[in-house]
Amino acid sequence: MYQYAEKPQVSEQKESSSGGSVTSYALQFLGNPYVWGGTSLTKGVDCSGFVMQVHAHYGISLPHSSSALRGVGRGVSYSEAQPGDIICYPGHVAIYMGNGQIVHASNARDGIKVSDNAAYRTITSVRRLASLCARAIG
């Protein structure tokens, strides 16, 4: 007689991900260290690794490169930015929280933090991931 493994449980958060839940998940890592080239949300991550790993929690595969992230999803204007959108700068990326705020792996001194002014430097693009939009609608 064969035994079948139970179907793995997928967390409800993963199934119902939206920009708001992405930012809520990202905020769990505030104060954790910045490490250039890092990909661990707890032991150390850089800006693109942070964006990549937060989205990986929702089954979304993204590149580990701030310049490559400028080409994912679809572009929207900063005035249209919604929580969960990726804010791209020259050599840096962050996750938009709404109300002009971002969460990001800032630098070795500050680690993962919230910044109150998403436009603190020149924004090169704002990217919206269709998979997040589809999950929020569906």
N, C-alpha and C. Protein backbone atom coordinates (compact mmCIF):
# COMPACT_ATOMS: atom_id res chain seq x y z
N MET A 1 0.85 -1.18 0.00
CA MET A 1 0.00 0.00 0.00
C MET A 1 0.89 1.24 0.00
N TYR A 2 0.56 2.19 -0.84
CA TYR A 2 1.32 3.43 -0.93
C TYR A 2 0.72 4.48 -0.01
N GLN A 3 1.60 5.27 0.55
CA GLN A 3 1.14 6.40 1.34
C GLN A 3 1.51 7.67 0.59
N TYR A 4 0.62 8.58 0.59
CA TYR A 4 0.87 9.85 -0.09
C TYR A 4 1.10 10.94 0.94
N ALA A 5 2.05 11.75 0.65
CA ALA A 5 2.30 12.88 1.53
C ALA A 5 1.15 13.86 1.42
N GLU A 6 0.89 14.49 2.53
CA GLU A 6 -0.17 15.50 2.49
C GLU A 6 0.26 16.66 1.61
N LYS A 7 -0.73 17.29 1.01
CA LYS A 7 -0.45 18.47 0.20
C LYS A 7 0.14 19.56 1.10
N PRO A 8 1.27 20.13 0.69
CA PRO A 8 1.85 21.18 1.53
C PRO A 8 0.90 22.37 1.66
N GLN A 9 0.91 22.94 2.83
CA GLN A 9 0.06 24.09 3.09
C GLN A 9 0.76 25.36 2.62
N VAL A 10 0.04 26.17 1.90
CA VAL A 10 0.55 27.45 1.46
C VAL A 10 -0.07 28.49 2.36
N SER A 11 0.76 29.33 2.92
CA SER A 11 0.22 30.33 3.86
C SER A 11 -0.78 31.22 3.15
N GLU A 12 -1.77 31.62 3.91
CA GLU A 12 -2.80 32.49 3.35
C GLU A 12 -2.20 33.80 2.87
N GLN A 13 -1.16 34.28 3.56
CA GLN A 13 -0.52 35.53 3.16
C GLN A 13 0.07 35.40 1.77
N LYS A 14 0.68 34.24 1.48
CA LYS A 14 1.27 34.07 0.17
C LYS A 14 0.20 34.07 -0.92
N GLU A 15 -0.92 33.42 -0.64
CA GLU A 15 -1.97 33.33 -1.64
C GLU A 15 -2.66 34.66 -1.88
N SER A 16 -2.71 35.50 -0.87
CA SER A 16 -3.45 36.75 -1.02
C SER A 16 -2.53 37.96 -1.05
N SER A 17 -1.31 37.74 -1.54
CA SER A 17 -0.35 38.84 -1.49
C SER A 17 -0.83 40.03 -2.30
N SER A 18 -0.57 41.17 -1.76
CA SER A 18 -0.82 42.43 -2.43
C SER A 18 0.31 43.35 -2.00
N GLY A 19 0.31 44.54 -2.54
CA GLY A 19 1.36 45.47 -2.17
C GLY A 19 1.43 45.72 -0.68
N GLY A 20 0.27 45.79 -0.02
CA GLY A 20 0.24 46.03 1.42
C GLY A 20 0.84 44.90 2.21
N SER A 21 0.57 43.66 1.81
CA SER A 21 1.15 42.55 2.55
C SER A 21 2.64 42.42 2.26
N VAL A 22 3.08 42.82 1.07
CA VAL A 22 4.51 42.83 0.76
C VAL A 22 5.22 43.79 1.70
N THR A 23 4.67 44.96 1.88
CA THR A 23 5.32 45.93 2.77
C THR A 23 5.27 45.45 4.22
N SER A 24 4.17 44.85 4.64
CA SER A 24 4.08 44.33 6.00
C SER A 24 5.13 43.25 6.24
N TYR A 25 5.30 42.37 5.27
CA TYR A 25 6.32 41.33 5.39
C TYR A 25 7.71 41.96 5.45
N ALA A 26 7.97 42.93 4.58
CA ALA A 26 9.28 43.58 4.54
C ALA A 26 9.61 44.26 5.86
N LEU A 27 8.61 44.83 6.52
CA LEU A 27 8.84 45.55 7.77
C LEU A 27 9.31 44.64 8.91
N GLN A 28 9.10 43.35 8.78
CA GLN A 28 9.56 42.41 9.81
C GLN A 28 11.09 42.41 9.95
N PHE A 29 11.77 42.91 8.92
CA PHE A 29 13.23 42.81 8.89
C PHE A 29 13.93 44.13 9.22
N LEU A 30 13.16 45.12 9.69
CA LEU A 30 13.75 46.41 10.06
C LEU A 30 14.89 46.20 11.06
N GLY A 31 15.97 46.93 10.84
CA GLY A 31 17.11 46.88 11.74
C GLY A 31 18.10 45.77 11.43
N ASN A 32 17.74 44.84 10.54
CA ASN A 32 18.67 43.79 10.16
C ASN A 32 19.78 44.38 9.30
N PRO A 33 20.92 43.71 9.23
CA PRO A 33 22.10 44.32 8.58
C PRO A 33 22.06 44.38 7.06
N TYR A 34 22.74 45.40 6.57
CA TYR A 34 23.04 45.54 5.15
C TYR A 34 24.39 44.87 4.91
N VAL A 35 24.43 43.98 3.91
CA VAL A 35 25.68 43.37 3.48
C VAL A 35 25.71 43.40 1.96
N TRP A 36 26.71 44.05 1.38
CA TRP A 36 26.80 44.14 -0.07
C TRP A 36 26.85 42.73 -0.64
N GLY A 37 25.97 42.45 -1.63
CA GLY A 37 25.90 41.14 -2.26
C GLY A 37 25.12 40.12 -1.45
N GLY A 38 24.64 40.50 -0.27
CA GLY A 38 23.94 39.57 0.61
C GLY A 38 22.52 39.26 0.16
N THR A 39 22.06 38.09 0.57
CA THR A 39 20.69 37.67 0.21
C THR A 39 19.91 37.13 1.40
N SER A 40 20.42 37.29 2.61
CA SER A 40 19.72 36.80 3.80
C SER A 40 19.01 37.96 4.48
N LEU A 41 17.69 37.86 4.58
CA LEU A 41 16.92 38.92 5.22
C LEU A 41 17.25 39.07 6.70
N THR A 42 17.84 38.05 7.29
CA THR A 42 18.17 38.11 8.71
C THR A 42 19.67 38.32 8.97
N LYS A 43 20.52 37.75 8.14
CA LYS A 43 21.97 37.84 8.38
C LYS A 43 22.65 38.95 7.59
N GLY A 44 21.99 39.44 6.55
CA GLY A 44 22.55 40.53 5.77
C GLY A 44 22.13 40.47 4.31
N VAL A 45 21.73 41.62 3.81
CA VAL A 45 21.20 41.72 2.46
C VAL A 45 21.52 43.10 1.91
N ASP A 46 21.70 43.20 0.60
CA ASP A 46 21.85 44.52 -0.02
C ASP A 46 20.49 44.95 -0.56
N CYS A 47 20.44 46.11 -1.19
CA CYS A 47 19.14 46.66 -1.60
C CYS A 47 18.39 45.76 -2.58
N SER A 48 19.08 45.27 -3.61
CA SER A 48 18.39 44.43 -4.59
C SER A 48 18.11 43.05 -4.01
N GLY A 49 18.99 42.56 -3.14
CA GLY A 49 18.74 41.29 -2.46
C GLY A 49 17.53 41.38 -1.56
N PHE A 50 17.34 42.53 -0.92
CA PHE A 50 16.16 42.75 -0.07
C PHE A 50 14.89 42.67 -0.89
N VAL A 51 14.84 43.42 -1.99
CA VAL A 51 13.66 43.40 -2.86
C VAL A 51 13.43 41.99 -3.40
N MET A 52 14.49 41.34 -3.84
CA MET A 52 14.41 39.99 -4.40
C MET A 52 13.86 39.01 -3.37
N GLN A 53 14.41 39.01 -2.14
CA GLN A 53 14.01 38.04 -1.13
C GLN A 53 12.61 38.31 -0.58
N VAL A 54 12.23 39.55 -0.44
CA VAL A 54 10.87 39.86 0.02
C VAL A 54 9.86 39.31 -0.99
N HIS A 55 10.11 39.53 -2.27
CA HIS A 55 9.19 39.03 -3.29
C HIS A 55 9.26 37.52 -3.44
N ALA A 56 10.41 36.93 -3.18
CA ALA A 56 10.54 35.46 -3.24
C ALA A 56 9.60 34.80 -2.24
N HIS A 57 9.33 35.48 -1.13
CA HIS A 57 8.39 34.96 -0.12
C HIS A 57 7.01 34.72 -0.75
N TYR A 58 6.70 35.47 -1.78
CA TYR A 58 5.41 35.35 -2.47
C TYR A 58 5.52 34.55 -3.77
N GLY A 59 6.64 33.88 -3.96
CA GLY A 59 6.82 33.05 -5.15
C GLY A 59 7.19 33.83 -6.40
N ILE A 60 7.65 35.06 -6.23
CA ILE A 60 8.01 35.91 -7.36
C ILE A 60 9.53 35.94 -7.48
N SER A 61 10.03 35.52 -8.62
CA SER A 61 11.47 35.49 -8.85
C SER A 61 11.92 36.79 -9.50
N LEU A 62 12.86 37.45 -8.87
CA LEU A 62 13.39 38.72 -9.38
C LEU A 62 14.91 38.63 -9.45
N PRO A 63 15.53 39.45 -10.30
CA PRO A 63 16.99 39.45 -10.38
C PRO A 63 17.62 40.13 -9.17
N HIS A 64 18.86 39.75 -8.86
CA HIS A 64 19.62 40.36 -7.77
C HIS A 64 20.52 41.44 -8.35
N SER A 65 19.89 42.47 -8.88
CA SER A 65 20.61 43.57 -9.52
C SER A 65 19.70 44.79 -9.56
N SER A 66 20.17 45.89 -8.99
CA SER A 66 19.33 47.08 -9.00
C SER A 66 19.06 47.57 -10.41
N SER A 67 20.03 47.46 -11.31
CA SER A 67 19.80 47.91 -12.68
C SER A 67 18.83 46.98 -13.41
N ALA A 68 18.92 45.67 -13.18
CA ALA A 68 18.00 44.73 -13.82
C ALA A 68 16.57 44.91 -13.30
N LEU A 69 16.42 45.31 -12.05
CA LEU A 69 15.08 45.51 -11.49
C LEU A 69 14.35 46.66 -12.17
N ARG A 70 15.09 47.56 -12.82
CA ARG A 70 14.43 48.66 -13.54
C ARG A 70 13.61 48.16 -14.73
N GLY A 71 13.78 46.90 -15.12
CA GLY A 71 13.07 46.37 -16.27
C GLY A 71 12.00 45.34 -15.93
N VAL A 72 11.75 45.08 -14.64
CA VAL A 72 10.74 44.08 -14.29
C VAL A 72 9.35 44.72 -14.24
N GLY A 73 8.34 43.90 -14.38
CA GLY A 73 6.96 44.40 -14.29
C GLY A 73 6.67 45.47 -15.32
N ARG A 74 5.83 46.42 -14.93
CA ARG A 74 5.53 47.53 -15.84
C ARG A 74 5.80 48.84 -15.13
N GLY A 75 6.21 49.80 -15.91
CA GLY A 75 6.51 51.11 -15.36
C GLY A 75 5.26 51.91 -15.06
N VAL A 76 5.28 52.61 -13.96
CA VAL A 76 4.22 53.56 -13.62
C VAL A 76 4.91 54.84 -13.15
N SER A 77 4.19 55.92 -13.13
CA SER A 77 4.79 57.17 -12.66
C SER A 77 4.84 57.16 -11.13
N TYR A 78 5.73 57.95 -10.58
CA TYR A 78 5.82 58.03 -9.12
C TYR A 78 4.49 58.52 -8.53
N SER A 79 3.80 59.40 -9.22
CA SER A 79 2.52 59.89 -8.70
C SER A 79 1.46 58.77 -8.64
N GLU A 80 1.68 57.69 -9.38
CA GLU A 80 0.77 56.54 -9.37
C GLU A 80 1.26 55.41 -8.46
N ALA A 81 2.39 55.60 -7.79
CA ALA A 81 2.99 54.53 -6.98
C ALA A 81 2.02 54.05 -5.91
N GLN A 82 2.03 52.73 -5.72
CA GLN A 82 1.20 52.07 -4.71
C GLN A 82 2.09 51.22 -3.82
N PRO A 83 1.62 50.93 -2.60
CA PRO A 83 2.41 50.05 -1.73
C PRO A 83 2.79 48.75 -2.45
N GLY A 84 4.05 48.38 -2.31
CA GLY A 84 4.56 47.18 -2.95
C GLY A 84 5.29 47.44 -4.24
N ASP A 85 5.11 48.62 -4.84
CA ASP A 85 5.84 48.94 -6.07
C ASP A 85 7.33 49.05 -5.75
N ILE A 86 8.14 48.79 -6.75
CA ILE A 86 9.59 48.89 -6.59
C ILE A 86 10.03 50.27 -7.08
N ILE A 87 10.70 51.00 -6.20
CA ILE A 87 11.22 52.32 -6.56
C ILE A 87 12.69 52.14 -6.93
N CYS A 88 13.04 52.57 -8.13
CA CYS A 88 14.42 52.40 -8.63
C CYS A 88 15.12 53.75 -8.70
N TYR A 89 16.35 53.73 -8.23
CA TYR A 89 17.24 54.89 -8.23
C TYR A 89 18.52 54.48 -8.95
N PRO A 90 19.38 55.42 -9.27
CA PRO A 90 20.69 55.01 -9.81
C PRO A 90 21.45 54.19 -8.76
N GLY A 91 21.65 52.90 -9.02
CA GLY A 91 22.39 52.05 -8.11
C GLY A 91 21.68 51.64 -6.84
N HIS A 92 20.37 51.82 -6.75
CA HIS A 92 19.64 51.48 -5.53
C HIS A 92 18.19 51.16 -5.86
N VAL A 93 17.55 50.33 -5.03
CA VAL A 93 16.12 50.02 -5.16
C VAL A 93 15.50 49.94 -3.77
N ALA A 94 14.18 50.14 -3.72
CA ALA A 94 13.44 50.10 -2.47
C ALA A 94 12.01 49.64 -2.75
N ILE A 95 11.28 49.34 -1.69
CA ILE A 95 9.88 48.96 -1.81
C ILE A 95 9.04 50.12 -1.29
N TYR A 96 8.10 50.57 -2.12
CA TYR A 96 7.25 51.70 -1.75
C TYR A 96 6.21 51.25 -0.73
N MET A 97 6.03 52.05 0.33
CA MET A 97 5.08 51.73 1.38
C MET A 97 3.79 52.54 1.28
N GLY A 98 3.80 53.61 0.51
CA GLY A 98 2.68 54.54 0.49
C GLY A 98 3.05 55.79 1.27
N ASN A 99 2.31 56.86 1.07
CA ASN A 99 2.53 58.12 1.78
C ASN A 99 3.96 58.63 1.68
N GLY A 100 4.61 58.37 0.54
CA GLY A 100 5.96 58.86 0.32
C GLY A 100 7.05 58.09 1.03
N GLN A 101 6.72 56.98 1.68
CA GLN A 101 7.70 56.21 2.44
C GLN A 101 8.18 54.98 1.66
N ILE A 102 9.42 54.57 1.95
CA ILE A 102 9.98 53.35 1.39
C ILE A 102 10.61 52.53 2.52
N VAL A 103 10.70 51.22 2.28
CA VAL A 103 11.47 50.33 3.14
C VAL A 103 12.57 49.77 2.26
N HIS A 104 13.80 49.77 2.78
CA HIS A 104 14.92 49.36 1.95
C HIS A 104 16.13 48.98 2.80
N ALA A 105 17.03 48.21 2.17
CA ALA A 105 18.33 47.93 2.76
C ALA A 105 19.20 49.12 2.35
N SER A 106 19.38 50.03 3.26
CA SER A 106 19.94 51.33 2.94
C SER A 106 21.46 51.31 2.78
N ASN A 107 22.17 50.97 3.83
CA ASN A 107 23.64 50.98 3.81
C ASN A 107 24.15 50.22 5.03
N ALA A 108 25.47 50.05 5.13
CA ALA A 108 26.06 49.26 6.21
C ALA A 108 25.80 49.89 7.58
N ARG A 109 25.67 51.19 7.65
CA ARG A 109 25.43 51.86 8.94
C ARG A 109 23.99 51.68 9.41
N ASP A 110 23.02 51.86 8.48
CA ASP A 110 21.60 51.87 8.86
C ASP A 110 20.89 50.53 8.67
N GLY A 111 21.40 49.65 7.83
CA GLY A 111 20.74 48.38 7.57
C GLY A 111 19.39 48.57 6.91
N ILE A 112 18.47 47.68 7.22
CA ILE A 112 17.11 47.76 6.65
C ILE A 112 16.33 48.77 7.46
N LYS A 113 15.76 49.75 6.76
CA LYS A 113 15.08 50.83 7.46
C LYS A 113 13.96 51.41 6.61
N VAL A 114 13.15 52.24 7.24
CA VAL A 114 12.11 53.01 6.56
C VAL A 114 12.64 54.42 6.37
N SER A 115 12.45 54.95 5.19
CA SER A 115 12.78 56.35 4.91
C SER A 115 11.48 57.08 4.58
N ASP A 116 11.33 58.27 5.12
CA ASP A 116 10.09 59.02 4.98
C ASP A 116 9.94 59.76 3.66
N ASN A 117 11.02 59.86 2.88
CA ASN A 117 10.95 60.60 1.62
C ASN A 117 11.46 59.72 0.49
N ALA A 118 10.53 59.06 -0.20
CA ALA A 118 10.92 58.16 -1.30
C ALA A 118 11.68 58.90 -2.39
N ALA A 119 11.47 60.21 -2.49
CA ALA A 119 12.13 61.00 -3.53
C ALA A 119 13.39 61.67 -2.97
N TYR A 120 14.04 61.04 -2.00
CA TYR A 120 15.25 61.62 -1.39
C TYR A 120 16.41 61.67 -2.37
N ARG A 121 16.30 60.92 -3.45
CA ARG A 121 17.27 61.00 -4.54
C ARG A 121 16.49 60.80 -5.83
N THR A 122 17.15 60.96 -6.96
CA THR A 122 16.46 60.88 -8.25
C THR A 122 15.88 59.49 -8.47
N ILE A 123 14.58 59.43 -8.72
CA ILE A 123 13.91 58.16 -9.04
C ILE A 123 14.03 57.94 -10.54
N THR A 124 14.60 56.78 -10.91
CA THR A 124 14.75 56.47 -12.34
C THR A 124 13.53 55.76 -12.90
N SER A 125 12.84 54.96 -12.07
CA SER A 125 11.61 54.31 -12.50
C SER A 125 10.87 53.74 -11.30
N VAL A 126 9.60 53.51 -11.50
CA VAL A 126 8.75 52.84 -10.52
C VAL A 126 8.17 51.63 -11.25
N ARG A 127 8.33 50.45 -10.65
CA ARG A 127 7.92 49.21 -11.31
C ARG A 127 6.80 48.54 -10.52
N ARG A 128 5.77 48.11 -11.24
CA ARG A 128 4.65 47.39 -10.64
C ARG A 128 4.66 45.97 -11.18
N LEU A 129 4.58 45.02 -10.29
CA LEU A 129 4.59 43.62 -10.69
C LEU A 129 3.17 43.13 -10.91
N ALA A 130 2.88 42.68 -12.12
CA ALA A 130 1.53 42.23 -12.48
C ALA A 130 1.06 41.09 -11.60
N SER A 131 1.98 40.20 -11.18
CA SER A 131 1.57 39.07 -10.36
C SER A 131 1.00 39.52 -9.03
N LEU A 132 1.51 40.63 -8.48
CA LEU A 132 0.96 41.16 -7.24
C LEU A 132 -0.42 41.75 -7.49
N CYS A 133 -0.56 42.45 -8.61
CA CYS A 133 -1.86 43.03 -8.94
C CYS A 133 -2.90 41.93 -9.15
N ALA A 134 -2.52 40.87 -9.84
CA ALA A 134 -3.45 39.77 -10.11
C ALA A 134 -3.87 39.10 -8.81
N ARG A 135 -2.94 38.93 -7.88
CA ARG A 135 -3.27 38.30 -6.61
C ARG A 135 -4.17 39.20 -5.78
N ALA A 136 -3.95 40.51 -5.86
CA ALA A 136 -4.77 41.44 -5.09
C ALA A 136 -6.20 41.44 -5.61
N ILE A 137 -6.37 41.28 -6.92
CA ILE A 137 -7.69 41.28 -7.54
C ILE A 137 -8.35 39.92 -7.34
N GLY A 138 -7.58 38.85 -7.56
CA GLY A 138 -8.12 37.49 -7.53
C GLY A 138 -8.27 36.96 -6.19
